[in-house]
C-alpha atoms as a PDB file:
ATOM      1  CA  MET A   1     144.850  81.532  97.519  1.00  0.00           C
ATOM      2  CA  GLU A   2     141.740  80.434  95.778  1.00  0.00           C
ATOM      3  CA  CYS A   3     138.768  82.481  97.054  1.00  0.00           C
ATOM      4  CA  GLU A   4     136.165  85.058  96.033  1.00  0.00           C
ATOM      5  CA  ILE A   5     135.306  88.369  97.656  1.00  0.00           C
ATOM      6  CA  VAL A   6     131.599  89.106  97.671  1.00  0.00           C
ATOM      7  CA  TYR A   7     129.935  92.399  98.628  1.00  0.00           C
ATOM      8  CA  PHE A   8     126.199  92.873  99.022  1.00  0.00           C
ATOM      9  CA  LEU A   9     123.815  95.396 100.529  1.00  0.00           C
ATOM     10  CA  ILE A  10     121.012  94.491 102.881  1.00  0.00           C
ATOM     11  CA  PRO A  11     118.233  97.075 103.346  1.00  0.00           C
ATOM     12  CA  ARG A  12     117.593  98.171 106.880  1.00  0.00           C
ATOM     13  CA  THR A  13     114.439  96.889 108.579  1.00  0.00           C
ATOM     14  CA  GLY A  14     111.471  98.990 107.622  1.00  0.00           C
ATOM     15  CA  VAL A  15     112.973 100.333 104.422  1.00  0.00           C
ATOM     16  CA  ALA A  16     111.407  97.749 102.156  1.00  0.00           C
ATOM     17  CA  LYS A  17     110.152  94.186 102.413  1.00  0.00           C
ATOM     18  CA  SER A  18     111.668  93.206  99.057  1.00  0.00           C
ATOM     19  CA  PHE A  19     113.965  94.582  96.375  1.00  0.00           C
ATOM     20  CA  ALA A  20     110.934  94.889  94.058  1.00  0.00           C
ATOM     21  CA  GLU A  21     109.242  97.167  96.597  1.00  0.00           C
ATOM     22  CA  LEU A  22     112.445  99.171  96.983  1.00  0.00           C
ATOM     23  CA  ALA A  23     112.659  99.603  93.194  1.00  0.00           C
ATOM     24  CA  LEU A  24     109.062 100.733  92.994  1.00  0.00           C
ATOM     25  CA  ARG A  25     109.543 103.219  95.823  1.00  0.00           C
ATOM     26  CA  PHE A  26     112.395 105.028  94.075  1.00  0.00           C
ATOM     27  CA  ASP A  27     111.317 104.696  90.431  1.00  0.00           C
ATOM     28  CA  PRO A  28     110.911 108.188  88.952  1.00  0.00           C
ATOM     29  CA  GLU A  29     108.972 106.866  85.970  1.00  0.00           C
ATOM     30  CA  LEU A  30     106.416 105.248  88.253  1.00  0.00           C
ATOM     31  CA  LYS A  31     105.868 108.585  90.085  1.00  0.00           C
ATOM     32  CA  HIS A  32     105.225 110.229  86.668  1.00  0.00           C
ATOM     33  CA  LEU A  33     102.814 107.451  85.701  1.00  0.00           C
ATOM     34  CA  GLN A  34     100.941 107.769  89.034  1.00  0.00           C
ATOM     35  CA  ALA A  35     100.591 111.537  88.472  1.00  0.00           C
ATOM     36  CA  SER A  36      99.236 110.903  84.979  1.00  0.00           C
ATOM     37  CA  GLU A  37      96.889 108.236  86.285  1.00  0.00           C
ATOM     38  CA  HIS A  38      95.586 110.699  88.906  1.00  0.00           C
ATOM     39  CA  SER A  39      94.958 113.348  86.248  1.00  0.00           C
ATOM     40  CA  MET A  40      93.140 110.815  84.065  1.00  0.00           C
ATOM     41  CA  ALA A  41      91.036 109.684  87.037  1.00  0.00           C
ATOM     42  CA  LEU A  42      89.887 113.284  87.515  1.00  0.00           C
ATOM     43  CA  GLU A  43      88.714 113.222  83.917  1.00  0.00           C
ATOM     44  CA  GLY A  44      87.013 109.830  84.257  1.00  0.00           C
ATOM     45  CA  GLN A  45      89.562 108.086  82.029  1.00  0.00           C
ATOM     46  CA  VAL A  46      91.483 106.053  84.609  1.00  0.00           C
ATOM     47  CA  ALA A  47      93.077 102.805  83.404  1.00  0.00           C
ATOM     48  CA  GLY A  48      93.598 101.419  86.902  1.00  0.00           C
ATOM     49  CA  ASP A  49      96.482  99.144  85.982  1.00  0.00           C
ATOM     50  CA  LEU A  50      99.244 100.711  88.096  1.00  0.00           C
ATOM     51  CA  PRO A  51     100.428  99.285  91.431  1.00  0.00           C
ATOM     52  CA  SER A  52      98.810 100.802  94.469  1.00  0.00           C
ATOM     53  CA  SER A  53     100.396 104.003  95.800  1.00  0.00           C
ATOM     54  CA  SER A  54     100.834 102.441  99.252  1.00  0.00           C
ATOM     55  CA  THR A  55     104.519 101.926  98.437  1.00  0.00           C
ATOM     56  CA  SER A  56     105.076 105.633  98.041  1.00  0.00           C
ATOM     57  CA  PRO A  57     107.099 107.252 100.835  1.00  0.00           C
END
């Protein structure tokens, strides 16, 4: 029997529009960077090069 078994996961509707968005949403390092960016913004030192926080849950 010559065949392959393939498993894959499909995100539910509304969870994420892409795998990149899903990765950003659950990336602990990004949350740390966003917190640092916020602190720097309060001090007037914001770099402004992080993705928008609209992907945060």
